[in-house]
PDB file of N, CA and C in Angstrom:
ATOM      1  N   MET A   1       3.726  30.768  21.489  1.00  0.00           N
ATOM      2  CA  MET A   1       4.202  29.512  22.750  1.00  0.00           C
ATOM      3  C   MET A   1       3.956  31.482  23.871  1.00  0.00           C
ATOM      4  N   ASN A   2       3.203  30.893  24.677  1.00  0.00           N
ATOM      5  CA  ASN A   2       3.446  31.951  25.530  1.00  0.00           C
ATOM      6  C   ASN A   2       4.589  32.101  26.304  1.00  0.00           C
ATOM      7  N   VAL A   3       4.835  33.402  27.156  1.00  0.00           N
ATOM      8  CA  VAL A   3       5.314  33.709  28.338  1.00  0.00           C
ATOM      9  C   VAL A   3       6.123  32.433  29.144  1.00  0.00           C
ATOM     10  N   THR A   4       4.562  32.111  30.358  1.00  0.00           N
ATOM     11  CA  THR A   4       4.183  31.323  31.364  1.00  0.00           C
ATOM     12  C   THR A   4       4.598  30.707  30.860  1.00  0.00           C
ATOM     13  N   HIS A   5       4.160  29.466  29.038  1.00  0.00           N
ATOM     14  CA  HIS A   5       3.941  27.960  29.658  1.00  0.00           C
ATOM     15  C   HIS A   5       5.429  27.768  28.555  1.00  0.00           C
ATOM     16  N   GLU A   6       6.349  29.043  28.640  1.00  0.00           N
ATOM     17  CA  GLU A   6       7.634  28.389  28.540  1.00  0.00           C
ATOM     18  C   GLU A   6       8.330  27.928  29.403  1.00  0.00           C
ATOM     19  N   VAL A   7       8.298  29.269  30.427  1.00  0.00           N
ATOM     20  CA  VAL A   7       8.690  29.215  32.225  1.00  0.00           C
ATOM     21  C   VAL A   7       7.824  27.879  32.952  1.00  0.00           C
ATOM     22  N   ALA A   8       6.860  26.998  32.185  1.00  0.00           N
ATOM     23  CA  ALA A   8       6.255  26.346  33.111  1.00  0.00           C
ATOM     24  C   ALA A   8       6.818  25.033  32.172  1.00  0.00           C
ATOM     25  N   ARG A   9       7.471  24.870  30.985  1.00  0.00           N
ATOM     26  CA  ARG A   9       8.181  24.174  30.401  1.00  0.00           C
ATOM     27  C   ARG A   9       9.177  24.481  30.891  1.00  0.00           C
ATOM     28  N   GLU A  10      10.251  25.310  31.156  1.00  0.00           N
ATOM     29  CA  GLU A  10      11.387  24.864  31.772  1.00  0.00           C
ATOM     30  C   GLU A  10      11.708  24.874  33.444  1.00  0.00           C
ATOM     31  N   VAL A  11      10.968  25.087  34.287  1.00  0.00           N
ATOM     32  CA  VAL A  11      11.021  24.367  35.869  1.00  0.00           C
ATOM     33  C   VAL A  11      10.738  23.562  35.620  1.00  0.00           C
ATOM     34  N   VAL A  12       9.261  22.242  34.327  1.00  0.00           N
ATOM     35  CA  VAL A  12       9.330  21.239  34.651  1.00  0.00           C
ATOM     36  C   VAL A  12      10.813  19.799  34.395  1.00  0.00           C
ATOM     37  N   GLU A  13      11.411  20.779  33.563  1.00  0.00           N
ATOM     38  CA  GLU A  13      12.497  19.934  32.974  1.00  0.00           C
ATOM     39  C   GLU A  13      13.022  20.199  34.364  1.00  0.00           C
ATOM     40  N   LEU A  14      13.783  21.254  35.027  1.00  0.00           N
ATOM     41  CA  LEU A  14      14.893  21.347  35.320  1.00  0.00           C
ATOM     42  C   LEU A  14      14.360  20.683  37.495  1.00  0.00           C
ATOM     43  N   TRP A  15      12.704  20.492  37.136  1.00  0.00           N
ATOM     44  CA  TRP A  15      12.428  19.371  38.090  1.00  0.00           C
ATOM     45  C   TRP A  15      13.396  17.993  37.440  1.00  0.00           C
ATOM     46  N   LEU A  16      12.886  17.336  36.041  1.00  0.00           N
ATOM     47  CA  LEU A  16      12.974  16.345  35.244  1.00  0.00           C
ATOM     48  C   LEU A  16      14.523  16.301  35.713  1.00  0.00           C
ATOM     49  N   VAL A  17      15.629  17.611  35.273  1.00  0.00           N
ATOM     50  CA  VAL A  17      16.613  17.091  35.142  1.00  0.00           C
ATOM     51  C   VAL A  17      17.329  16.248  36.838  1.00  0.00           C
ATOM     52  N   ALA A  18      16.674  17.432  37.239  1.00  0.00           N
ATOM     53  CA  ALA A  18      17.072  16.517  38.699  1.00  0.00           C
ATOM     54  C   ALA A  18      16.217  15.564  39.246  1.00  0.00           C
ATOM     55  N   LYS A  19      16.132  15.159  38.252  1.00  0.00           N
ATOM     56  CA  LYS A  19      15.344  13.561  38.901  1.00  0.00           C
ATOM     57  C   LYS A  19      16.104  12.331  38.367  1.00  0.00           C
ATOM     58  N   GLY A  20      17.507  12.869  37.929  1.00  0.00           N
ATOM     59  CA  GLY A  20      18.129  12.689  36.067  1.00  0.00           C
ATOM     60  C   GLY A  20      18.006  12.251  35.015  1.00  0.00           C
ATOM     61  N   ARG A  21      16.668  12.362  34.477  1.00  0.00           N
ATOM     62  CA  ARG A  21      16.244  12.444  33.289  1.00  0.00           C
ATOM     63  C   ARG A  21      16.896  13.420  32.435  1.00  0.00           C
ATOM     64  N   THR A  22      17.087  13.006  30.595  1.00  0.00           N
ATOM     65  CA  THR A  22      18.318  14.074  30.037  1.00  0.00           C
ATOM     66  C   THR A  22      17.160  14.368  28.978  1.00  0.00           C
ATOM     67  N   ILE A  23      17.363  15.525  27.981  1.00  0.00           N
ATOM     68  CA  ILE A  23      16.323  16.211  27.763  1.00  0.00           C
ATOM     69  C   ILE A  23      16.371  16.040  26.272  1.00  0.00           C
ATOM     70  N   HIS A  24      15.727  16.006  26.019  1.00  0.00           N
ATOM     71  CA  HIS A  24      15.617  15.649  23.544  1.00  0.00           C
ATOM     72  C   HIS A  24      15.744  17.114  23.939  1.00  0.00           C
ATOM     73  N   LYS A  25      15.685  17.787  22.734  1.00  0.00           N
ATOM     74  CA  LYS A  25      15.755  19.175  22.575  1.00  0.00           C
ATOM     75  C   LYS A  25      14.857  19.275  21.125  1.00  0.00           C
ATOM     76  N   ASN A  26      14.442  18.066  19.762  1.00  0.00           N
ATOM     77  CA  ASN A  26      13.436  17.152  19.348  1.00  0.00           C
ATOM     78  C   ASN A  26      12.771  16.871  19.819  1.00  0.00           C
ATOM     79  N   THR A  27      11.235  17.528  19.729  1.00  0.00           N
ATOM     80  CA  THR A  27      10.586  17.459  20.118  1.00  0.00           C
ATOM     81  C   THR A  27       9.580  16.852  19.040  1.00  0.00           C
ATOM     82  N   ILE A  28      10.088  16.577  18.552  1.00  0.00           N
ATOM     83  CA  ILE A  28       8.692  16.236  16.781  1.00  0.00           C
ATOM     84  C   ILE A  28       8.641  15.275  16.879  1.00  0.00           C
ATOM     85  N   PHE A  29       7.458  14.467  16.442  1.00  0.00           N
ATOM     86  CA  PHE A  29       6.921  13.693  15.655  1.00  0.00           C
ATOM     87  C   PHE A  29       6.144  14.183  14.355  1.00  0.00           C
ATOM     88  N   HIS A  30       6.424  13.029  13.650  1.00  0.00           N
ATOM     89  CA  HIS A  30       5.435  13.637  12.341  1.00  0.00           C
ATOM     90  C   HIS A  30       3.999  11.652  12.020  1.00  0.00           C
ATOM     91  N   TYR A  31       3.858  11.730  12.074  1.00  0.00           N
ATOM     92  CA  TYR A  31       2.684  10.643  12.290  1.00  0.00           C
ATOM     93  C   TYR A  31       3.124   9.890  10.495  1.00  0.00           C
ATOM     94  N   PRO A  32       3.164   8.688  11.054  1.00  0.00           N
ATOM     95  CA  PRO A  32       3.177   7.756  10.520  1.00  0.00           C
ATOM     96  C   PRO A  32       1.990   7.662   8.929  1.00  0.00           C
ATOM     97  N   ASP A  33       1.910   8.048   7.423  1.00  0.00           N
ATOM     98  CA  ASP A  33       0.978   7.810   6.601  1.00  0.00           C
ATOM     99  C   ASP A  33      -0.959   6.835   6.885  1.00  0.00           C
ATOM    100  N   ALA A  34      -0.442   5.868   7.612  1.00  0.00           N
ATOM    101  CA  ALA A  34      -1.794   5.080   7.981  1.00  0.00           C
ATOM    102  C   ALA A  34      -3.112   5.875   9.175  1.00  0.00           C
ATOM    103  N   PHE A  35      -1.692   6.879   9.981  1.00  0.00           N
ATOM    104  CA  PHE A  35      -2.055   7.432  11.525  1.00  0.00           C
ATOM    105  C   PHE A  35      -2.887   7.841  10.756  1.00  0.00           C
ATOM    106  N   ILE A  36      -2.419   9.012  10.144  1.00  0.00           N
ATOM    107  CA  ILE A  36      -2.927  10.515   8.676  1.00  0.00           C
ATOM    108  C   ILE A  36      -4.202  10.186   8.884  1.00  0.00           C
ATOM    109  N   GLU A  37      -4.357   8.822   7.832  1.00  0.00           N
ATOM    110  CA  GLU A  37      -5.750   8.631   7.271  1.00  0.00           C
ATOM    111  C   GLU A  37      -6.473   8.156   8.144  1.00  0.00           C
ATOM    112  N   SER A  38      -6.131   6.986   9.301  1.00  0.00           N
ATOM    113  CA  SER A  38      -6.998   7.141  10.135  1.00  0.00           C
ATOM    114  C   SER A  38      -7.146   8.409  10.406  1.00  0.00           C
ATOM    115  N   HIS A  39      -7.192   9.088  11.194  1.00  0.00           N
ATOM    116  CA  HIS A  39      -7.432  10.363  11.794  1.00  0.00           C
ATOM    117  C   HIS A  39      -7.828  12.073  10.531  1.00  0.00           C
ATOM    118  N   LYS A  40      -7.540  11.616   9.594  1.00  0.00           N
ATOM    119  CA  LYS A  40      -7.604  12.190   8.902  1.00  0.00           C
ATOM    120  C   LYS A  40      -7.686  13.861   8.282  1.00  0.00           C
ATOM    121  N   LEU A  41      -6.194  13.729   8.914  1.00  0.00           N
ATOM    122  CA  LEU A  41      -5.766  15.065   8.819  1.00  0.00           C
ATOM    123  C   LEU A  41      -4.730  15.648   7.951  1.00  0.00           C
ATOM    124  N   LYS A  42      -5.533  16.679   7.070  1.00  0.00           N
ATOM    125  CA  LYS A  42      -4.972  17.780   7.054  1.00  0.00           C
ATOM    126  C   LYS A  42      -4.306  18.509   6.422  1.00  0.00           C
ATOM    127  N   LYS A  43      -3.681  18.959   8.189  1.00  0.00           N
ATOM    128  CA  LYS A  43      -2.337  20.118   8.490  1.00  0.00           C
ATOM    129  C   LYS A  43      -1.211  19.444   8.933  1.00  0.00           C
ATOM    130  N   PHE A  44      -0.424  19.982   9.496  1.00  0.00           N
ATOM    131  CA  PHE A  44       0.551  19.640   9.706  1.00  0.00           C
ATOM    132  C   PHE A  44       0.646  18.209  10.264  1.00  0.00           C
ATOM    133  N   PRO A  45       1.106  16.933   9.564  1.00  0.00           N
ATOM    134  CA  PRO A  45       1.742  15.769   9.910  1.00  0.00           C
ATOM    135  C   PRO A  45       2.123  14.673  10.506  1.00  0.00           C
ATOM    136  N   GLY A  46       2.006  16.319  12.058  1.00  0.00           N
ATOM    137  CA  GLY A  46       2.753  14.972  13.362  1.00  0.00           C
ATOM    138  C   GLY A  46       2.436  16.416  14.484  1.00  0.00           C
ATOM    139  N   HIS A  47       3.200  15.811  15.376  1.00  0.00           N
ATOM    140  CA  HIS A  47       2.633  17.463  16.532  1.00  0.00           C
ATOM    141  C   HIS A  47       4.270  17.166  17.573  1.00  0.00           C
ATOM    142  N   SER A  48       4.391  18.645  17.212  1.00  0.00           N
ATOM    143  CA  SER A  48       5.553  19.019  18.877  1.00  0.00           C
ATOM    144  C   SER A  48       5.513  19.037  19.738  1.00  0.00           C
ATOM    145  N   TYR A  49       5.770  16.980  20.876  1.00  0.00           N
ATOM    146  CA  TYR A  49       5.934  17.635  22.474  1.00  0.00           C
ATOM    147  C   TYR A  49       6.315  18.596  23.062  1.00  0.00           C
ATOM    148  N   ASP A  50       6.124  18.919  24.513  1.00  0.00           N
ATOM    149  CA  ASP A  50       6.606  19.866  25.430  1.00  0.00           C
ATOM    150  C   ASP A  50       7.650  19.695  25.685  1.00  0.00           C
ATOM    151  N   ILE A  51       8.104  18.061  26.178  1.00  0.00           N
ATOM    152  CA  ILE A  51       9.333  18.082  26.639  1.00  0.00           C
ATOM    153  C   ILE A  51       8.971  16.582  26.224  1.00  0.00           C
ATOM    154  N   LEU A  52      11.230  16.090  26.450  1.00  0.00           N
ATOM    155  CA  LEU A  52      10.652  15.139  25.700  1.00  0.00           C
ATOM    156  C   LEU A  52      12.198  14.511  26.513  1.00  0.00           C
ATOM    157  N   THR A  53      11.552  13.307  27.613  1.00  0.00           N
ATOM    158  CA  THR A  53      13.299  12.210  27.987  1.00  0.00           C
ATOM    159  C   THR A  53      13.620  11.290  27.630  1.00  0.00           C
ATOM    160  N   ASN A  54      14.699  10.382  27.923  1.00  0.00           N
ATOM    161  CA  ASN A  54      14.386   8.796  27.329  1.00  0.00           C
ATOM    162  C   ASN A  54      13.526   8.413  27.354  1.00  0.00           C
ATOM    163  N   LYS A  55      12.075   8.775  28.832  1.00  0.00           N
ATOM    164  CA  LYS A  55      11.075   7.829  29.530  1.00  0.00           C
ATOM    165  C   LYS A  55       9.948   8.176  29.189  1.00  0.00           C
ATOM    166  N   GLU A  56      10.617   9.694  29.027  1.00  0.00           N
ATOM    167  CA  GLU A  56       8.909  11.133  29.271  1.00  0.00           C
ATOM    168  C   GLU A  56       8.698  11.157  27.890  1.00  0.00           C
ATOM    169  N   ILE A  57       7.412  11.080  27.371  1.00  0.00           N
ATOM    170  CA  ILE A  57       7.111  12.768  26.482  1.00  0.00           C
ATOM    171  C   ILE A  57       5.957  12.761  27.872  1.00  0.00           C
ATOM    172  N   ILE A  58       6.173  14.643  28.039  1.00  0.00           N
ATOM    173  CA  ILE A  58       4.688  15.541  28.544  1.00  0.00           C
ATOM    174  C   ILE A  58       4.508  16.456  27.805  1.00  0.00           C
ATOM    175  N   GLU A  59       3.140  16.514  27.898  1.00  0.00           N
ATOM    176  CA  GLU A  59       2.407  18.139  27.074  1.00  0.00           C
ATOM    177  C   GLU A  59       2.267  18.945  28.059  1.00  0.00           C
ATOM    178  N   ILE A  60       2.314  20.792  28.072  1.00  0.00           N
ATOM    179  CA  ILE A  60       1.700  21.137  29.192  1.00  0.00           C
ATOM    180  C   ILE A  60       0.637  21.457  27.874  1.00  0.00           C
ATOM    181  N   ASP A  61      -0.617  22.022  28.936  1.00  0.00           N
ATOM    182  CA  ASP A  61      -1.604  22.404  28.864  1.00  0.00           C
ATOM    183  C   ASP A  61      -2.174  23.532  29.387  1.00  0.00           C
ATOM    184  N   ASP A  62      -2.935  24.851  29.542  1.00  0.00           N
ATOM    185  CA  ASP A  62      -3.103  26.086  28.938  1.00  0.00           C
ATOM    186  C   ASP A  62      -4.843  25.602  29.713  1.00  0.00           C
ATOM    187  N   TYR A  63      -5.177  26.362  30.947  1.00  0.00           N
ATOM    188  CA  TYR A  63      -6.785  25.322  31.407  1.00  0.00           C
ATOM    189  C   TYR A  63      -7.994  26.708  30.348  1.00  0.00           C
ATOM    190  N   GLN A  64      -7.118  27.271  29.799  1.00  0.00           N
ATOM    191  CA  GLN A  64      -7.856  28.568  29.168  1.00  0.00           C
ATOM    192  C   GLN A  64      -8.309  28.166  27.417  1.00  0.00           C
ATOM    193  N   LYS A  65      -6.863  28.066  26.642  1.00  0.00           N
ATOM    194  CA  LYS A  65      -6.290  27.743  25.756  1.00  0.00           C
ATOM    195  C   LYS A  65      -7.194  26.685  25.035  1.00  0.00           C
ATOM    196  N   HIS A  66      -6.369  25.674  26.048  1.00  0.00           N
ATOM    197  CA  HIS A  66      -6.849  23.753  26.199  1.00  0.00           C
ATOM    198  C   HIS A  66      -8.678  23.572  26.353  1.00  0.00           C
ATOM    199  N   SER A  67      -8.947  24.744  26.419  1.00  0.00           N
ATOM    200  CA  SER A  67     -11.035  24.395  26.694  1.00  0.00           C
ATOM    201  C   SER A  67     -10.766  24.608  25.026  1.00  0.00           C
ATOM    202  N   LYS A  68     -10.665  24.867  23.731  1.00  0.00           N
ATOM    203  CA  LYS A  68     -11.483  25.168  22.650  1.00  0.00           C
ATOM    204  C   LYS A  68     -11.479  23.553  22.034  1.00  0.00           C
ATOM    205  N   LYS A  69     -12.195  23.508  21.075  1.00  0.00           N
ATOM    206  CA  LYS A  69     -12.713  23.175  21.091  1.00  0.00           C
ATOM    207  C   LYS A  69     -11.945  21.861  19.175  1.00  0.00           C
ATOM    208  N   ASN A  70     -10.510  22.717  18.429  1.00  0.00           N
ATOM    209  CA  ASN A  70      -9.769  22.332  17.820  1.00  0.00           C
ATOM    210  C   ASN A  70      -8.879  21.714  18.474  1.00  0.00           C
ATOM    211  N   GLN A  71      -8.515  22.662  19.798  1.00  0.00           N
ATOM    212  CA  GLN A  71      -7.289  22.489  20.372  1.00  0.00           C
ATOM    213  C   GLN A  71      -6.839  21.108  21.011  1.00  0.00           C
ATOM    214  N   ILE A  72      -8.308  20.677  21.795  1.00  0.00           N
ATOM    215  CA  ILE A  72      -8.800  19.664  22.856  1.00  0.00           C
ATOM    216  C   ILE A  72      -8.274  18.342  21.873  1.00  0.00           C
ATOM    217  N   ILE A  73      -9.325  18.812  20.448  1.00  0.00           N
ATOM    218  CA  ILE A  73      -9.576  17.292  19.409  1.00  0.00           C
ATOM    219  C   ILE A  73      -7.213  16.806  18.737  1.00  0.00           C
ATOM    220  N   ASN A  74      -6.787  18.214  18.081  1.00  0.00           N
ATOM    221  CA  ASN A  74      -5.600  18.031  18.505  1.00  0.00           C
ATOM    222  C   ASN A  74      -5.141  17.776  19.331  1.00  0.00           C
ATOM    223  N   ASP A  75      -4.790  17.775  20.411  1.00  0.00           N
ATOM    224  CA  ASP A  75      -4.264  17.451  21.490  1.00  0.00           C
ATOM    225  C   ASP A  75      -4.643  15.707  21.521  1.00  0.00           C
ATOM    226  N   GLY A  76      -6.115  15.448  21.902  1.00  0.00           N
ATOM    227  CA  GLY A  76      -6.258  14.270  21.455  1.00  0.00           C
ATOM    228  C   GLY A  76      -5.810  13.125  20.500  1.00  0.00           C
ATOM    229  N   ILE A  77      -5.439  13.702  19.509  1.00  0.00           N
ATOM    230  CA  ILE A  77      -4.664  13.088  18.564  1.00  0.00           C
ATOM    231  C   ILE A  77      -3.358  12.605  19.090  1.00  0.00           C
ATOM    232  N   ALA A  78      -2.860  14.206  19.134  1.00  0.00           N
ATOM    233  CA  ALA A  78      -1.455  13.811  20.304  1.00  0.00           C
ATOM    234  C   ALA A  78      -1.042  13.236  20.788  1.00  0.00           C
ATOM    235  N   GLU A  79      -2.123  12.506  21.491  1.00  0.00           N
ATOM    236  CA  GLU A  79      -1.457  12.296  23.117  1.00  0.00           C
ATOM    237  C   GLU A  79      -2.189  10.536  22.307  1.00  0.00           C
ATOM    238  N   ASP A  80      -3.080   9.923  22.547  1.00  0.00           N
ATOM    239  CA  ASP A  80      -3.229   9.215  20.996  1.00  0.00           C
ATOM    240  C   ASP A  80      -2.670   8.580  20.908  1.00  0.00           C
ATOM    241  N   TYR A  81      -1.249   8.909  19.117  1.00  0.00           N
ATOM    242  CA  TYR A  81      -0.476   8.804  19.079  1.00  0.00           C
ATOM    243  C   TYR A  81       1.269   8.551  19.478  1.00  0.00           C
ATOM    244  N   ALA A  82       1.881   9.683  21.004  1.00  0.00           N
ATOM    245  CA  ALA A  82       2.057   9.068  21.725  1.00  0.00           C
ATOM    246  C   ALA A  82       1.915   7.130  23.021  1.00  0.00           C
ATOM    247  N   ARG A  83       0.550   7.396  23.357  1.00  0.00           N
ATOM    248  CA  ARG A  83       0.645   5.969  24.011  1.00  0.00           C
ATOM    249  C   ARG A  83      -0.013   5.539  22.943  1.00  0.00           C
ATOM    250  N   LYS A  84      -0.270   4.919  21.932  1.00  0.00           N
ATOM    251  CA  LYS A  84       0.312   3.595  20.861  1.00  0.00           C
ATOM    252  C   LYS A  84       1.084   3.861  20.007  1.00  0.00           C
ATOM    253  N   HIS A  85       1.610   4.805  20.181  1.00  0.00           N
ATOM    254  CA  HIS A  85       3.257   4.523  18.552  1.00  0.00           C
ATOM    255  C   HIS A  85       4.196   4.954  19.168  1.00  0.00           C
ATOM    256  N   LEU A  86       4.131   5.339  20.561  1.00  0.00           N
ATOM    257  CA  LEU A  86       5.175   5.718  21.141  1.00  0.00           C
ATOM    258  C   LEU A  86       5.229   4.984  23.351  1.00  0.00           C
ATOM    259  N   SER A  87       5.557   4.189  23.049  1.00  0.00           N
ATOM    260  CA  SER A  87       4.388   2.522  24.206  1.00  0.00           C
ATOM    261  C   SER A  87       6.708   2.642  24.861  1.00  0.00           C
ATOM    262  N   PRO A  88       7.877   3.180  23.661  1.00  0.00           N
ATOM    263  CA  PRO A  88       8.446   3.382  25.430  1.00  0.00           C
ATOM    264  C   PRO A  88       8.845   4.324  26.883  1.00  0.00           C
ATOM    265  N   TYR A  89       7.991   4.856  25.803  1.00  0.00           N
ATOM    266  CA  TYR A  89       7.476   6.069  26.844  1.00  0.00           C
ATOM    267  C   TYR A  89       5.970   6.568  26.885  1.00  0.00           C
ATOM    268  N   ASN A  90       6.542   6.838  28.491  1.00  0.00           N
ATOM    269  CA  ASN A  90       5.139   7.742  29.625  1.00  0.00           C
ATOM    270  C   ASN A  90       4.808   8.651  28.919  1.00  0.00           C
ATOM    271  N   PHE A  91       3.609   9.043  28.979  1.00  0.00           N
ATOM    272  CA  PHE A  91       2.635  10.101  29.036  1.00  0.00           C
ATOM    273  C   PHE A  91       2.799  10.697  29.521  1.00  0.00           C
ATOM    274  N   TYR A  92       2.082  12.070  29.787  1.00  0.00           N
ATOM    275  CA  TYR A  92       1.937  13.587  31.353  1.00  0.00           C
ATOM    276  C   TYR A  92       0.799  13.798  30.183  1.00  0.00           C
ATOM    277  N   ARG A  93      -0.004  15.459  30.527  1.00  0.00           N
ATOM    278  CA  ARG A  93      -0.336  16.052  31.129  1.00  0.00           C
ATOM    279  C   ARG A  93      -0.261  16.631  32.094  1.00  0.00           C
ATOM    280  N   LEU A  94      -0.015  18.068  31.084  1.00  0.00           N
ATOM    281  CA  LEU A  94       0.036  18.885  33.339  1.00  0.00           C
ATOM    282  C   LEU A  94      -0.012  20.299  32.659  1.00  0.00           C
ATOM    283  N   LYS A  95      -0.995  20.668  33.758  1.00  0.00           N
ATOM    284  CA  LYS A  95      -1.328  22.098  33.623  1.00  0.00           C
ATOM    285  C   LYS A  95      -0.699  23.354  33.946  1.00  0.00           C
ATOM    286  N   LYS A  96      -0.387  24.219  32.645  1.00  0.00           N
ATOM    287  CA  LYS A  96       0.366  25.110  33.294  1.00  0.00           C
ATOM    288  C   LYS A  96       0.397  25.522  34.620  1.00  0.00           C
ATOM    289  N   GLU A  97      -0.932  26.679  34.982  1.00  0.00           N
ATOM    290  CA  GLU A  97      -1.630  27.108  35.808  1.00  0.00           C
ATOM    291  C   GLU A  97      -1.356  26.474  37.333  1.00  0.00           C
ATOM    292  N   GLU A  98      -0.993  25.435  37.546  1.00  0.00           N
ATOM    293  CA  GLU A  98      -0.484  25.124  38.886  1.00  0.00           C
ATOM    294  C   GLU A  98       0.899  24.526  39.002  1.00  0.00           C
ATOM    295  N   ILE A  99       1.602  25.056  37.489  1.00  0.00           N
ATOM    296  CA  ILE A  99       3.328  25.184  38.295  1.00  0.00           C
ATOM    297  C   ILE A  99       4.173  26.645  37.586  1.00  0.00           C
ATOM    298  N   VAL A 100       3.012  27.256  37.601  1.00  0.00           N
ATOM    299  CA  VAL A 100       3.265  28.767  37.469  1.00  0.00           C
ATOM    300  C   VAL A 100       1.757  29.552  37.050  1.00  0.00           C
ATOM    301  N   ASN A 101       2.080  30.871  37.518  1.00  0.00           N
ATOM    302  CA  ASN A 101       0.191  31.826  37.746  1.00  0.00           C
ATOM    303  C   ASN A 101       0.736  32.483  36.717  1.00  0.00           C
ATOM    304  N   GLU A 102      -0.048  33.207  36.408  1.00  0.00           N
ATOM    305  CA  GLU A 102       0.408  34.154  35.729  1.00  0.00           C
ATOM    306  C   GLU A 102       1.688  35.936  35.768  1.00  0.00           C
ATOM    307  N   ARG A 103       1.977  35.940  36.006  1.00  0.00           N
ATOM    308  CA  ARG A 103       3.477  36.569  36.367  1.00  0.00           C
ATOM    309  C   ARG A 103       4.417  35.302  36.109  1.00  0.00           C
ATOM    310  N   GLY A 104       4.230  33.881  35.124  1.00  0.00           N
ATOM    311  CA  GLY A 104       5.345  33.171  35.404  1.00  0.00           C
ATOM    312  C   GLY A 104       5.890  33.262  37.171  1.00  0.00           C
ATOM    313  N   HIS A 105       5.351  33.221  38.050  1.00  0.00           N
ATOM    314  CA  HIS A 105       6.877  33.001  38.972  1.00  0.00           C
ATOM    315  C   HIS A 105       5.757  31.219  39.306  1.00  0.00           C
ATOM    316  N   ILE A 106       6.905  30.747  40.362  1.00  0.00           N
ATOM    317  CA  ILE A 106       6.062  28.816  40.279  1.00  0.00           C
ATOM    318  C   ILE A 106       5.768  29.586  41.839  1.00  0.00           C
ATOM    319  N   GLN A 107       4.841  27.709  41.035  1.00  0.00           N
ATOM    320  CA  GLN A 107       3.657  28.452  42.444  1.00  0.00           C
ATOM    321  C   GLN A 107       3.891  27.212  43.995  1.00  0.00           C
ATOM    322  N   ARG A 108       3.307  27.303  44.605  1.00  0.00           N
ATOM    323  CA  ARG A 108       3.865  27.541  45.495  1.00  0.00           C
ATOM    324  C   ARG A 108       4.281  25.201  45.906  1.00  0.00           C
ATOM    325  N   SER A 109       2.820  25.304  45.455  1.00  0.00           N
ATOM    326  CA  SER A 109       2.686  23.705  45.581  1.00  0.00           C
ATOM    327  C   SER A 109       2.831  23.303  43.850  1.00  0.00           C
ATOM    328  N   CYS A 110       4.102  23.717  43.591  1.00  0.00           N
ATOM    329  CA  CYS A 110       4.677  23.139  42.350  1.00  0.00           C
ATOM    330  C   CYS A 110       5.121  21.600  42.917  1.00  0.00           C
ATOM    331  N   ALA A 111       6.729  21.683  42.974  1.00  0.00           N
ATOM    332  CA  ALA A 111       6.872  20.587  44.058  1.00  0.00           C
ATOM    333  C   ALA A 111       5.174  19.102  44.297  1.00  0.00           C
ATOM    334  N   VAL A 112       4.414  19.288  44.684  1.00  0.00           N
ATOM    335  CA  VAL A 112       4.324  18.569  45.141  1.00  0.00           C
ATOM    336  C   VAL A 112       3.131  18.246  44.251  1.00  0.00           C
ATOM    337  N   TYR A 113       2.580  19.234  43.095  1.00  0.00           N
ATOM    338  CA  TYR A 113       2.323  18.585  42.262  1.00  0.00           C
ATOM    339  C   TYR A 113       2.632  17.882  40.790  1.00  0.00           C
ATOM    340  N   LEU A 114       4.332  18.335  40.314  1.00  0.00           N
ATOM    341  CA  LEU A 114       5.057  17.139  39.807  1.00  0.00           C
ATOM    342  C   LEU A 114       5.138  16.057  40.635  1.00  0.00           C
ATOM    343  N   GLN A 115       4.904  15.892  41.513  1.00  0.00           N
ATOM    344  CA  GLN A 115       5.643  14.466  42.229  1.00  0.00           C
ATOM    345  C   GLN A 115       4.436  13.799  42.149  1.00  0.00           C
ATOM    346  N   ASP A 116       2.930  14.486  42.341  1.00  0.00           N
ATOM    347  CA  ASP A 116       1.560  14.071  42.585  1.00  0.00           C
ATOM    348  C   ASP A 116       1.148  13.301  40.931  1.00  0.00           C
ATOM    349  N   ASN A 117       1.799  13.770  39.387  1.00  0.00           N
ATOM    350  CA  ASN A 117       1.650  14.262  38.584  1.00  0.00           C
ATOM    351  C   ASN A 117       2.313  13.671  37.551  1.00  0.00           C
ATOM    352  N   LEU A 118       3.188  13.504  37.967  1.00  0.00           N
ATOM    353  CA  LEU A 118       4.878  12.444  37.211  1.00  0.00           C
ATOM    354  C   LEU A 118       5.057  11.312  37.640  1.00  0.00           C
ATOM    355  N   PHE A 119       6.280  11.593  38.086  1.00  0.00           N
ATOM    356  CA  PHE A 119       6.276   9.731  39.709  1.00  0.00           C
ATOM    357  C   PHE A 119       7.721  10.405  40.255  1.00  0.00           C
TER     358      PHE A 119
END
């Protein structure tokens, strides 16, 4: 994980805590056998989401890294699992570059972006 992604995750976690959310540290979900078979998965049969709260699952994407075909497929599978099998949670996908710049500094528009794209 690169530094700017980690900083973006920390910024979002801070925002969530300020909104009264509890951040869970274990964000790994192992897919059930039927899900693995239906998606023909051969590698790690699960996903480690970026942020898990008592109400949300949040993924933070990178415009460049997440434009590659394999990453798009993996993201789609992880989102499909979260939406279908983790229904008590709301699923959100955020863009790292909207939260921090290439130096890891918070974007001026970050608070508005989080408010518009989370809750």
